[in-house]
Amino acid sequence: MLDETGIILSSVELSRKIVFWNNSSKKSINFFIGGPWGHDSRVYAKADMVLSMSKMTFTHEMIVLFLYEQIYRAYKIINNEKYHY
């Protein structure tokens, strides 16, 4: 789950988490982005991890783009591929 109060990971740390989750018994990885008022307390209670994209404030629409980019970057890291050419 994404929330401004969550932990902040580097791109490499996120890629390691993705590898860990892919190797665990979990069938899928889901990222939940809340709206302007965040998530319901029931969502927090069920989250495996609360992740923050930054200490700065962004709109939830911008976070969708940032998250896609970080997932793409994570898989580039996992596959030992170049990100910048």
PDB file of N, CA and C in Angstrom:
ATOM      1  N   MET A   1       0.848  -1.162   0.000  1.00  0.00           N
ATOM      2  CA  MET A   1       0.000   0.000   0.000  1.00  0.00           C
ATOM      3  C   MET A   1       0.899   1.232   0.000  1.00  0.00           C
ATOM      4  N   LEU A   2       0.510   2.234  -0.763  1.00  0.00           N
ATOM      5  CA  LEU A   2       1.270   3.473  -0.796  1.00  0.00           C
ATOM      6  C   LEU A   2       0.606   4.505   0.114  1.00  0.00           C
ATOM      7  N   ASP A   3       1.436   5.140   0.921  1.00  0.00           N
ATOM      8  CA  ASP A   3       0.954   6.150   1.850  1.00  0.00           C
ATOM      9  C   ASP A   3       2.143   7.015   2.244  1.00  0.00           C
ATOM     10  N   GLU A   4       1.892   8.276   2.462  1.00  0.00           N
ATOM     11  CA  GLU A   4       2.994   9.197   2.802  1.00  0.00           C
ATOM     12  C   GLU A   4       3.692   8.838   4.103  1.00  0.00           C
ATOM     13  N   THR A   5       3.073   8.037   4.955  1.00  0.00           N
ATOM     14  CA  THR A   5       3.682   7.655   6.232  1.00  0.00           C
ATOM     15  C   THR A   5       4.496   6.367   6.138  1.00  0.00           C
ATOM     16  N   GLY A   6       4.548   5.767   4.937  1.00  0.00           N
ATOM     17  CA  GLY A   6       5.238   4.498   4.773  1.00  0.00           C
ATOM     18  C   GLY A   6       6.745   4.633   4.722  1.00  0.00           C
ATOM     19  N   ILE A   7       7.398   3.494   4.524  1.00  0.00           N
ATOM     20  CA  ILE A   7       8.853   3.484   4.429  1.00  0.00           C
ATOM     21  C   ILE A   7       9.270   3.900   3.014  1.00  0.00           C
ATOM     22  N   ILE A   8      10.441   4.455   2.913  1.00  0.00           N
ATOM     23  CA  ILE A   8      10.979   4.877   1.623  1.00  0.00           C
ATOM     24  C   ILE A   8      12.086   3.896   1.237  1.00  0.00           C
ATOM     25  N   LEU A   9      11.964   3.321   0.042  1.00  0.00           N
ATOM     26  CA  LEU A   9      12.958   2.382  -0.464  1.00  0.00           C
ATOM     27  C   LEU A   9      13.668   2.974  -1.670  1.00  0.00           C
ATOM     28  N   SER A  10      14.905   2.580  -1.866  1.00  0.00           N
ATOM     29  CA  SER A  10      15.606   2.912  -3.112  1.00  0.00           C
ATOM     30  C   SER A  10      15.069   1.999  -4.213  1.00  0.00           C
ATOM     31  N   SER A  11      15.434   2.290  -5.451  1.00  0.00           N
ATOM     32  CA  SER A  11      15.027   1.433  -6.566  1.00  0.00           C
ATOM     33  C   SER A  11      15.576   0.021  -6.409  1.00  0.00           C
ATOM     34  N   VAL A  12      16.808  -0.097  -5.953  1.00  0.00           N
ATOM     35  CA  VAL A  12      17.417  -1.413  -5.741  1.00  0.00           C
ATOM     36  C   VAL A  12      16.686  -2.155  -4.625  1.00  0.00           C
ATOM     37  N   GLU A  13      16.367  -1.461  -3.547  1.00  0.00           N
ATOM     38  CA  GLU A  13      15.630  -2.096  -2.443  1.00  0.00           C
ATOM     39  C   GLU A  13      14.249  -2.562  -2.898  1.00  0.00           C
ATOM     40  N   LEU A  14      13.575  -1.757  -3.722  1.00  0.00           N
ATOM     41  CA  LEU A  14      12.268  -2.165  -4.237  1.00  0.00           C
ATOM     42  C   LEU A  14      12.416  -3.403  -5.114  1.00  0.00           C
ATOM     43  N   SER A  15      13.445  -3.451  -5.943  1.00  0.00           N
ATOM     44  CA  SER A  15      13.644  -4.632  -6.796  1.00  0.00           C
ATOM     45  C   SER A  15      13.880  -5.876  -5.944  1.00  0.00           C
ATOM     46  N   ARG A  16      14.590  -5.736  -4.850  1.00  0.00           N
ATOM     47  CA  ARG A  16      14.818  -6.877  -3.952  1.00  0.00           C
ATOM     48  C   ARG A  16      13.515  -7.335  -3.301  1.00  0.00           C
ATOM     49  N   LYS A  17      12.677  -6.381  -2.922  1.00  0.00           N
ATOM     50  CA  LYS A  17      11.363  -6.722  -2.351  1.00  0.00           C
ATOM     51  C   LYS A  17      10.526  -7.478  -3.372  1.00  0.00           C
ATOM     52  N   ILE A  18      10.543  -7.027  -4.619  1.00  0.00           N
ATOM     53  CA  ILE A  18       9.775  -7.692  -5.668  1.00  0.00           C
ATOM     54  C   ILE A  18      10.264  -9.123  -5.865  1.00  0.00           C
ATOM     55  N   VAL A  19      11.568  -9.325  -5.869  1.00  0.00           N
ATOM     56  CA  VAL A  19      12.119 -10.678  -5.967  1.00  0.00           C
ATOM     57  C   VAL A  19      11.649 -11.521  -4.791  1.00  0.00           C
ATOM     58  N   PHE A  20      11.717 -10.961  -3.584  1.00  0.00           N
ATOM     59  CA  PHE A  20      11.264 -11.673  -2.384  1.00  0.00           C
ATOM     60  C   PHE A  20       9.797 -12.060  -2.508  1.00  0.00           C
ATOM     61  N   TRP A  21       8.953 -11.092  -2.898  1.00  0.00           N
ATOM     62  CA  TRP A  21       7.522 -11.376  -3.030  1.00  0.00           C
ATOM     63  C   TRP A  21       7.261 -12.411  -4.117  1.00  0.00           C
ATOM     64  N   ASN A  22       7.970 -12.326  -5.234  1.00  0.00           N
ATOM     65  CA  ASN A  22       7.785 -13.296  -6.312  1.00  0.00           C
ATOM     66  C   ASN A  22       8.195 -14.701  -5.879  1.00  0.00           C
ATOM     67  N   ASN A  23       9.150 -14.808  -4.974  1.00  0.00           N
ATOM     68  CA  ASN A  23       9.615 -16.109  -4.491  1.00  0.00           C
ATOM     69  C   ASN A  23       8.819 -16.619  -3.300  1.00  0.00           C
ATOM     70  N   SER A  24       7.916 -15.819  -2.790  1.00  0.00           N
ATOM     71  CA  SER A  24       7.100 -16.232  -1.642  1.00  0.00           C
ATOM     72  C   SER A  24       5.848 -16.943  -2.139  1.00  0.00           C
ATOM     73  N   SER A  25       4.996 -17.269  -1.228  1.00  0.00           N
ATOM     74  CA  SER A  25       3.766 -17.988  -1.580  1.00  0.00           C
ATOM     75  C   SER A  25       2.680 -17.070  -2.139  1.00  0.00           C
ATOM     76  N   LYS A  26       2.959 -15.790  -2.249  1.00  0.00           N
ATOM     77  CA  LYS A  26       1.968 -14.846  -2.764  1.00  0.00           C
ATOM     78  C   LYS A  26       1.780 -15.057  -4.265  1.00  0.00           C
ATOM     79  N   LYS A  27       0.547 -14.976  -4.710  1.00  0.00           N
ATOM     80  CA  LYS A  27       0.246 -15.197  -6.125  1.00  0.00           C
ATOM     81  C   LYS A  27       0.394 -13.931  -6.952  1.00  0.00           C
ATOM     82  N   SER A  28       0.280 -12.775  -6.325  1.00  0.00           N
ATOM     83  CA  SER A  28       0.398 -11.522  -7.065  1.00  0.00           C
ATOM     84  C   SER A  28       0.876 -10.416  -6.141  1.00  0.00           C
ATOM     85  N   ILE A  29       1.347  -9.364  -6.747  1.00  0.00           N
ATOM     86  CA  ILE A  29       1.753  -8.163  -6.027  1.00  0.00           C
ATOM     87  C   ILE A  29       0.766  -7.068  -6.400  1.00  0.00           C
ATOM     88  N   ASN A  30       0.156  -6.462  -5.413  1.00  0.00           N
ATOM     89  CA  ASN A  30      -0.805  -5.391  -5.647  1.00  0.00           C
ATOM     90  C   ASN A  30      -0.334  -4.123  -4.955  1.00  0.00           C
ATOM     91  N   PHE A  31      -0.408  -3.023  -5.652  1.00  0.00           N
ATOM     92  CA  PHE A  31      -0.076  -1.721  -5.090  1.00  0.00           C
ATOM     93  C   PHE A  31      -1.375  -0.926  -4.983  1.00  0.00           C
ATOM     94  N   PHE A  32      -1.677  -0.423  -3.811  1.00  0.00           N
ATOM     95  CA  PHE A  32      -2.889   0.351  -3.583  1.00  0.00           C
ATOM     96  C   PHE A  32      -2.513   1.810  -3.381  1.00  0.00           C
ATOM     97  N   ILE A  33      -3.054   2.667  -4.243  1.00  0.00           N
ATOM     98  CA  ILE A  33      -2.813   4.103  -4.168  1.00  0.00           C
ATOM     99  C   ILE A  33      -4.102   4.758  -3.698  1.00  0.00           C
ATOM    100  N   GLY A  34      -4.027   5.442  -2.598  1.00  0.00           N
ATOM    101  CA  GLY A  34      -5.219   6.089  -2.052  1.00  0.00           C
ATOM    102  C   GLY A  34      -5.494   7.424  -2.718  1.00  0.00           C
ATOM    103  N   GLY A  35      -6.674   7.897  -2.488  1.00  0.00           N
ATOM    104  CA  GLY A  35      -7.066   9.209  -2.973  1.00  0.00           C
ATOM    105  C   GLY A  35      -6.592  10.297  -2.020  1.00  0.00           C
ATOM    106  N   PRO A  36      -7.136  11.482  -2.124  1.00  0.00           N
ATOM    107  CA  PRO A  36      -6.690  12.613  -1.308  1.00  0.00           C
ATOM    108  C   PRO A  36      -6.836  12.394   0.198  1.00  0.00           C
ATOM    109  N   TRP A  37      -7.727  11.507   0.598  1.00  0.00           N
ATOM    110  CA  TRP A  37      -7.940  11.263   2.030  1.00  0.00           C
ATOM    111  C   TRP A  37      -7.345   9.945   2.480  1.00  0.00           C
ATOM    112  N   GLY A  38      -6.500   9.364   1.649  1.00  0.00           N
ATOM    113  CA  GLY A  38      -5.813   8.135   2.036  1.00  0.00           C
ATOM    114  C   GLY A  38      -6.677   6.898   1.913  1.00  0.00           C
ATOM    115  N   HIS A  39      -6.380   5.903   2.727  1.00  0.00           N
ATOM    116  CA  HIS A  39      -7.053   4.609   2.690  1.00  0.00           C
ATOM    117  C   HIS A  39      -7.928   4.435   3.926  1.00  0.00           C
ATOM    118  N   ASP A  40      -8.873   3.558   3.817  1.00  0.00           N
ATOM    119  CA  ASP A  40      -9.690   3.158   4.959  1.00  0.00           C
ATOM    120  C   ASP A  40      -8.810   2.367   5.924  1.00  0.00           C
ATOM    121  N   SER A  41      -9.114   2.425   7.197  1.00  0.00           N
ATOM    122  CA  SER A  41      -8.306   1.730   8.208  1.00  0.00           C
ATOM    123  C   SER A  41      -8.264   0.225   7.966  1.00  0.00           C
ATOM    124  N   ARG A  42      -9.293  -0.342   7.342  1.00  0.00           N
ATOM    125  CA  ARG A  42      -9.297  -1.784   7.046  1.00  0.00           C
ATOM    126  C   ARG A  42      -8.233  -2.144   6.022  1.00  0.00           C
ATOM    127  N   VAL A  43      -7.928  -1.226   5.119  1.00  0.00           N
ATOM    128  CA  VAL A  43      -6.884  -1.473   4.121  1.00  0.00           C
ATOM    129  C   VAL A  43      -5.519  -1.482   4.811  1.00  0.00           C
ATOM    130  N   TYR A  44      -5.285  -0.522   5.714  1.00  0.00           N
ATOM    131  CA  TYR A  44      -4.034  -0.490   6.464  1.00  0.00           C
ATOM    132  C   TYR A  44      -3.834  -1.788   7.240  1.00  0.00           C
ATOM    133  N   ALA A  45      -4.900  -2.290   7.832  1.00  0.00           N
ATOM    134  CA  ALA A  45      -4.813  -3.489   8.668  1.00  0.00           C
ATOM    135  C   ALA A  45      -4.413  -4.720   7.861  1.00  0.00           C
ATOM    136  N   LYS A  46      -4.737  -4.755   6.576  1.00  0.00           N
ATOM    137  CA  LYS A  46      -4.443  -5.927   5.745  1.00  0.00           C
ATOM    138  C   LYS A  46      -3.174  -5.788   4.913  1.00  0.00           C
ATOM    139  N   ALA A  47      -2.577  -4.622   4.916  1.00  0.00           N
ATOM    140  CA  ALA A  47      -1.402  -4.387   4.072  1.00  0.00           C
ATOM    141  C   ALA A  47      -0.185  -5.142   4.592  1.00  0.00           C
ATOM    142  N   ASP A  48       0.559  -5.751   3.679  1.00  0.00           N
ATOM    143  CA  ASP A  48       1.824  -6.407   4.035  1.00  0.00           C
ATOM    144  C   ASP A  48       2.921  -5.377   4.259  1.00  0.00           C
ATOM    145  N   MET A  49       2.801  -4.246   3.558  1.00  0.00           N
ATOM    146  CA  MET A  49       3.813  -3.202   3.654  1.00  0.00           C
ATOM    147  C   MET A  49       3.190  -1.865   3.273  1.00  0.00           C
ATOM    148  N   VAL A  50       3.617  -0.832   3.972  1.00  0.00           N
ATOM    149  CA  VAL A  50       3.194   0.530   3.631  1.00  0.00           C
ATOM    150  C   VAL A  50       4.422   1.240   3.089  1.00  0.00           C
ATOM    151  N   LEU A  51       4.326   1.685   1.840  1.00  0.00           N
ATOM    152  CA  LEU A  51       5.441   2.266   1.112  1.00  0.00           C
ATOM    153  C   LEU A  51       5.152   3.729   0.812  1.00  0.00           C
ATOM    154  N   SER A  52       6.151   4.567   0.969  1.00  0.00           N
ATOM    155  CA  SER A  52       6.050   5.975   0.590  1.00  0.00           C
ATOM    156  C   SER A  52       6.946   6.207  -0.613  1.00  0.00           C
ATOM    157  N   MET A  53       6.466   6.947  -1.578  1.00  0.00           N
ATOM    158  CA  MET A  53       7.264   7.260  -2.765  1.00  0.00           C
ATOM    159  C   MET A  53       8.212   8.431  -2.503  1.00  0.00           C
ATOM    160  N   SER A  54       7.876   9.272  -1.525  1.00  0.00           N
ATOM    161  CA  SER A  54       8.692  10.447  -1.252  1.00  0.00           C
ATOM    162  C   SER A  54       8.177  11.127   0.004  1.00  0.00           C
ATOM    163  N   LYS A  55       9.009  11.961   0.594  1.00  0.00           N
ATOM    164  CA  LYS A  55       8.545  12.798   1.695  1.00  0.00           C
ATOM    165  C   LYS A  55       7.766  14.001   1.174  1.00  0.00           C
ATOM    166  N   MET A  56       7.878  14.231  -0.133  1.00  0.00           N
ATOM    167  CA  MET A  56       7.131  15.328  -0.744  1.00  0.00           C
ATOM    168  C   MET A  56       5.691  14.892  -1.003  1.00  0.00           C
ATOM    169  N   THR A  57       4.834  15.856  -1.213  1.00  0.00           N
ATOM    170  CA  THR A  57       3.430  15.583  -1.501  1.00  0.00           C
ATOM    171  C   THR A  57       3.187  15.653  -3.001  1.00  0.00           C
ATOM    172  N   PHE A  58       2.527  14.621  -3.537  1.00  0.00           N
ATOM    173  CA  PHE A  58       2.156  14.566  -4.944  1.00  0.00           C
ATOM    174  C   PHE A  58       0.688  14.181  -5.047  1.00  0.00           C
ATOM    175  N   THR A  59       0.087  14.477  -6.188  1.00  0.00           N
ATOM    176  CA  THR A  59      -1.279  14.011  -6.403  1.00  0.00           C
ATOM    177  C   THR A  59      -1.248  12.499  -6.610  1.00  0.00           C
ATOM    178  N   HIS A  60      -2.356  11.849  -6.315  1.00  0.00           N
ATOM    179  CA  HIS A  60      -2.368  10.395  -6.501  1.00  0.00           C
ATOM    180  C   HIS A  60      -2.271  10.037  -7.982  1.00  0.00           C
ATOM    181  N   GLU A  61      -2.695  10.911  -8.879  1.00  0.00           N
ATOM    182  CA  GLU A  61      -2.533  10.653 -10.312  1.00  0.00           C
ATOM    183  C   GLU A  61      -1.057  10.635 -10.713  1.00  0.00           C
ATOM    184  N   MET A  62      -0.265  11.524 -10.124  1.00  0.00           N
ATOM    185  CA  MET A  62       1.172  11.546 -10.423  1.00  0.00           C
ATOM    186  C   MET A  62       1.859  10.297  -9.873  1.00  0.00           C
ATOM    187  N   ILE A  63       1.419   9.845  -8.714  1.00  0.00           N
ATOM    188  CA  ILE A  63       2.032   8.674  -8.095  1.00  0.00           C
ATOM    189  C   ILE A  63       1.846   7.435  -8.961  1.00  0.00           C
ATOM    190  N   VAL A  64       0.725   7.355  -9.674  1.00  0.00           N
ATOM    191  CA  VAL A  64       0.515   6.225 -10.593  1.00  0.00           C
ATOM    192  C   VAL A  64       1.658   6.169 -11.609  1.00  0.00           C
ATOM    193  N   LEU A  65       1.980   7.289 -12.207  1.00  0.00           N
ATOM    194  CA  LEU A  65       3.075   7.357 -13.179  1.00  0.00           C
ATOM    195  C   LEU A  65       4.403   7.021 -12.527  1.00  0.00           C
ATOM    196  N   PHE A  66       4.681   7.597 -11.362  1.00  0.00           N
ATOM    197  CA  PHE A  66       5.941   7.329 -10.661  1.00  0.00           C
ATOM    198  C   PHE A  66       6.066   5.847 -10.298  1.00  0.00           C
ATOM    199  N   LEU A  67       4.963   5.253  -9.859  1.00  0.00           N
ATOM    200  CA  LEU A  67       4.993   3.838  -9.482  1.00  0.00           C
ATOM    201  C   LEU A  67       5.253   2.957 -10.695  1.00  0.00           C
ATOM    202  N   TYR A  68       4.582   3.231 -11.825  1.00  0.00           N
ATOM    203  CA  TYR A  68       4.849   2.466 -13.045  1.00  0.00           C
ATOM    204  C   TYR A  68       6.322   2.526 -13.406  1.00  0.00           C
ATOM    205  N   GLU A  69       6.896   3.718 -13.329  1.00  0.00           N
ATOM    206  CA  GLU A  69       8.306   3.895 -13.678  1.00  0.00           C
ATOM    207  C   GLU A  69       9.198   3.098 -12.732  1.00  0.00           C
ATOM    208  N   GLN A  70       8.890   3.099 -11.445  1.00  0.00           N
ATOM    209  CA  GLN A  70       9.715   2.377 -10.479  1.00  0.00           C
ATOM    210  C   GLN A  70       9.590   0.863 -10.629  1.00  0.00           C
ATOM    211  N   ILE A  71       8.403   0.385 -10.982  1.00  0.00           N
ATOM    212  CA  ILE A  71       8.236  -1.049 -11.233  1.00  0.00           C
ATOM    213  C   ILE A  71       9.035  -1.439 -12.473  1.00  0.00           C
ATOM    214  N   TYR A  72       8.962  -0.627 -13.527  1.00  0.00           N
ATOM    215  CA  TYR A  72       9.746  -0.868 -14.745  1.00  0.00           C
ATOM    216  C   TYR A  72      11.239  -0.898 -14.399  1.00  0.00           C
ATOM    217  N   ARG A  73      11.688   0.087 -13.642  1.00  0.00           N
ATOM    218  CA  ARG A  73      13.102   0.162 -13.246  1.00  0.00           C
ATOM    219  C   ARG A  73      13.492  -1.052 -12.412  1.00  0.00           C
ATOM    220  N   ALA A  74      12.623  -1.478 -11.508  1.00  0.00           N
ATOM    221  CA  ALA A  74      12.909  -2.641 -10.659  1.00  0.00           C
ATOM    222  C   ALA A  74      13.143  -3.890 -11.503  1.00  0.00           C
ATOM    223  N   TYR A  75      12.301  -4.091 -12.515  1.00  0.00           N
ATOM    224  CA  TYR A  75      12.484  -5.269 -13.362  1.00  0.00           C
ATOM    225  C   TYR A  75      13.725  -5.158 -14.241  1.00  0.00           C
ATOM    226  N   LYS A  76      14.120  -3.964 -14.607  1.00  0.00           N
ATOM    227  CA  LYS A  76      15.393  -3.779 -15.313  1.00  0.00           C
ATOM    228  C   LYS A  76      16.548  -4.181 -14.398  1.00  0.00           C
ATOM    229  N   ILE A  77      16.473  -3.781 -13.133  1.00  0.00           N
ATOM    230  CA  ILE A  77      17.511  -4.138 -12.156  1.00  0.00           C
ATOM    231  C   ILE A  77      17.531  -5.649 -11.949  1.00  0.00           C
ATOM    232  N   ILE A  78      16.364  -6.247 -11.775  1.00  0.00           N
ATOM    233  CA  ILE A  78      16.262  -7.698 -11.552  1.00  0.00           C
ATOM    234  C   ILE A  78      16.872  -8.475 -12.713  1.00  0.00           C
ATOM    235  N   ASN A  79      16.643  -8.004 -13.928  1.00  0.00           N
ATOM    236  CA  ASN A  79      17.124  -8.688 -15.125  1.00  0.00           C
ATOM    237  C   ASN A  79      18.513  -8.229 -15.586  1.00  0.00           C
ATOM    238  N   ASN A  80      19.183  -7.439 -14.752  1.00  0.00           N
ATOM    239  CA  ASN A  80      20.523  -6.925 -15.069  1.00  0.00           C
ATOM    240  C   ASN A  80      20.566  -6.234 -16.432  1.00  0.00           C
ATOM    241  N   GLU A  81      19.550  -5.465 -16.733  1.00  0.00           N
ATOM    242  CA  GLU A  81      19.473  -4.722 -17.979  1.00  0.00           C
ATOM    243  C   GLU A  81      19.770  -3.253 -17.730  1.00  0.00           C
ATOM    244  N   LYS A  82      20.247  -2.578 -18.764  1.00  0.00           N
ATOM    245  CA  LYS A  82      20.513  -1.151 -18.659  1.00  0.00           C
ATOM    246  C   LYS A  82      19.198  -0.391 -18.586  1.00  0.00           C
ATOM    247  N   TYR A  83      19.201   0.657 -17.789  1.00  0.00           N
ATOM    248  CA  TYR A  83      18.024   1.522 -17.709  1.00  0.00           C
ATOM    249  C   TYR A  83      18.251   2.781 -18.510  1.00  0.00           C
ATOM    250  N   HIS A  84      19.441   3.363 -18.360  1.00  0.00           N
ATOM    251  CA  HIS A  84      19.802   4.570 -19.115  1.00  0.00           C
ATOM    252  C   HIS A  84      20.727   4.167 -20.255  1.00  0.00           C
ATOM    253  N   TYR A  85      20.485   4.697 -21.433  1.00  0.00           N
ATOM    254  CA  TYR A  85      21.315   4.354 -22.583  1.00  0.00           C
ATOM    255  C   TYR A  85      22.130   5.533 -23.031  1.00  0.00           C
TER     256      TYR A  85
END
